[in-house]
Amino acid sequence: MMNVYSINLIVPESIEIYLSDKSPAGTIDAGKYVAELNNGQQSGSYSLYEADENFVKGALKNANVRLSVNSTGQVKILE
């Protein structure tokens, strides 16, 4: 996994997210987001913020989303 501190994301369709115990944790709606690394947290833990059309960070959407970034820049949301 690459060491990335901030990610601009475009989510093309709604995604259900779950806690580590597999219980529902909510939905990430289709749209634009800015993900920022949570320092001091588990590796790959990001806070997800809603973003406008220019990726200017807005309201916090989810405080702890696990993301992985591969060497080509592809971002995956981890379970």
C-alpha atoms as a PDB file:
ATOM      1  CA  MET A   1       0.000   0.000   0.000  1.00  0.00           C
ATOM      2  CA  MET A   2       1.226   3.468  -0.878  1.00  0.00           C
ATOM      3  CA  ASN A   3       1.650   6.083   1.862  1.00  0.00           C
ATOM      4  CA  VAL A   4      -1.062   8.612   0.860  1.00  0.00           C
ATOM      5  CA  TYR A   5      -2.286  11.390   3.170  1.00  0.00           C
ATOM      6  CA  SER A   6      -5.158  12.895   1.163  1.00  0.00           C
ATOM      7  CA  ILE A   7      -7.280  11.368  -1.609  1.00  0.00           C
ATOM      8  CA  ASN A   8      -9.873  12.955  -3.898  1.00  0.00           C
ATOM      9  CA  LEU A   9     -12.560  10.315  -4.527  1.00  0.00           C
ATOM     10  CA  ILE A  10     -15.462  10.088  -6.945  1.00  0.00           C
ATOM     11  CA  VAL A  11     -17.914   7.424  -5.816  1.00  0.00           C
ATOM     12  CA  PRO A  12     -20.056   6.475  -8.848  1.00  0.00           C
ATOM     13  CA  GLU A  13     -22.808   4.672  -6.900  1.00  0.00           C
ATOM     14  CA  SER A  14     -23.890   4.246  -3.282  1.00  0.00           C
ATOM     15  CA  ILE A  15     -21.833   1.795  -1.204  1.00  0.00           C
ATOM     16  CA  GLU A  16     -22.947   0.035   1.990  1.00  0.00           C
ATOM     17  CA  ILE A  17     -20.208   0.007   4.656  1.00  0.00           C
ATOM     18  CA  TYR A  18     -19.888  -2.377   7.601  1.00  0.00           C
ATOM     19  CA  LEU A  19     -18.062  -2.554  10.924  1.00  0.00           C
ATOM     20  CA  SER A  20     -15.387  -5.199  11.498  1.00  0.00           C
ATOM     21  CA  ASP A  21     -18.024  -7.406  13.149  1.00  0.00           C
ATOM     22  CA  LYS A  22     -20.042  -7.194   9.881  1.00  0.00           C
ATOM     23  CA  SER A  23     -22.818  -5.050  11.358  1.00  0.00           C
ATOM     24  CA  PRO A  24     -24.061  -2.183   9.137  1.00  0.00           C
ATOM     25  CA  ALA A  25     -22.249   1.151   9.541  1.00  0.00           C
ATOM     26  CA  GLY A  26     -24.155   3.207   6.979  1.00  0.00           C
ATOM     27  CA  THR A  27     -23.940   4.197   3.349  1.00  0.00           C
ATOM     28  CA  ILE A  28     -21.516   6.249   1.318  1.00  0.00           C
ATOM     29  CA  ASP A  29     -23.674   7.985  -1.294  1.00  0.00           C
ATOM     30  CA  ALA A  30     -22.579   8.597  -4.859  1.00  0.00           C
ATOM     31  CA  GLY A  31     -20.642  11.862  -5.124  1.00  0.00           C
ATOM     32  CA  LYS A  32     -17.294  13.546  -4.568  1.00  0.00           C
ATOM     33  CA  TYR A  33     -15.288  13.149  -1.364  1.00  0.00           C
ATOM     34  CA  VAL A  34     -11.943  14.051   0.193  1.00  0.00           C
ATOM     35  CA  ALA A  35     -10.360  11.323   2.340  1.00  0.00           C
ATOM     36  CA  GLU A  36      -7.678  12.377   4.846  1.00  0.00           C
ATOM     37  CA  LEU A  37      -5.397   9.984   6.705  1.00  0.00           C
ATOM     38  CA  ASN A  38      -6.180   9.561  10.411  1.00  0.00           C
ATOM     39  CA  ASN A  39      -2.781   9.984  12.074  1.00  0.00           C
ATOM     40  CA  GLY A  40      -2.225   7.656  15.012  1.00  0.00           C
ATOM     41  CA  GLN A  41      -4.964   5.275  13.878  1.00  0.00           C
ATOM     42  CA  GLN A  42      -4.739   1.847  12.253  1.00  0.00           C
ATOM     43  CA  SER A  43      -2.867   1.883   8.936  1.00  0.00           C
ATOM     44  CA  GLY A  44      -5.148   2.834   6.060  1.00  0.00           C
ATOM     45  CA  SER A  45      -7.720   4.592   8.272  1.00  0.00           C
ATOM     46  CA  TYR A  46      -9.146   7.753   6.709  1.00  0.00           C
ATOM     47  CA  SER A  47     -11.776  10.361   7.553  1.00  0.00           C
ATOM     48  CA  LEU A  48     -14.155  10.870   4.641  1.00  0.00           C
ATOM     49  CA  TYR A  49     -15.499  14.373   3.941  1.00  0.00           C
ATOM     50  CA  GLU A  50     -18.104  15.477   1.430  1.00  0.00           C
ATOM     51  CA  ALA A  51     -16.579  17.659  -1.303  1.00  0.00           C
ATOM     52  CA  ASP A  52     -17.815  20.167  -3.856  1.00  0.00           C
ATOM     53  CA  GLU A  53     -17.103  20.025  -7.598  1.00  0.00           C
ATOM     54  CA  ASN A  54     -13.552  21.357  -6.986  1.00  0.00           C
ATOM     55  CA  PHE A  55     -12.846  18.854  -4.174  1.00  0.00           C
ATOM     56  CA  VAL A  56     -13.018  21.537  -1.494  1.00  0.00           C
ATOM     57  CA  LYS A  57     -13.562  19.671   1.774  1.00  0.00           C
ATOM     58  CA  GLY A  58     -16.964  20.034   3.425  1.00  0.00           C
ATOM     59  CA  ALA A  59     -18.844  18.173   6.148  1.00  0.00           C
ATOM     60  CA  LEU A  60     -17.484  15.013   7.742  1.00  0.00           C
ATOM     61  CA  LYS A  61     -19.239  11.947   6.298  1.00  0.00           C
ATOM     62  CA  ASN A  62     -17.447   9.090   8.106  1.00  0.00           C
ATOM     63  CA  ALA A  63     -14.604   9.312  10.649  1.00  0.00           C
ATOM     64  CA  ASN A  64     -13.030   5.910  10.090  1.00  0.00           C
ATOM     65  CA  VAL A  65     -13.006   4.362   6.610  1.00  0.00           C
ATOM     66  CA  ARG A  66     -10.291   1.843   5.681  1.00  0.00           C
ATOM     67  CA  LEU A  67      -8.797   2.555   2.257  1.00  0.00           C
ATOM     68  CA  SER A  68      -6.002   0.955   0.292  1.00  0.00           C
ATOM     69  CA  VAL A  69      -4.105   2.660  -2.551  1.00  0.00           C
ATOM     70  CA  ASN A  70      -2.107   0.509  -4.972  1.00  0.00           C
ATOM     71  CA  SER A  71       0.916   1.573  -7.039  1.00  0.00           C
ATOM     72  CA  THR A  72      -1.284   2.628  -9.992  1.00  0.00           C
ATOM     73  CA  GLY A  73      -3.344   4.928  -7.765  1.00  0.00           C
ATOM     74  CA  GLN A  74      -6.429   2.704  -7.615  1.00  0.00           C
ATOM     75  CA  VAL A  75      -8.292   3.166  -4.321  1.00  0.00           C
ATOM     76  CA  LYS A  76     -10.197   0.324  -2.667  1.00  0.00           C
ATOM     77  CA  ILE A  77     -12.531   0.519   0.302  1.00  0.00           C
ATOM     78  CA  LEU A  78     -11.560  -2.312   2.656  1.00  0.00           C
ATOM     79  CA  GLU A  79     -13.824  -4.326   4.913  1.00  0.00           C
END
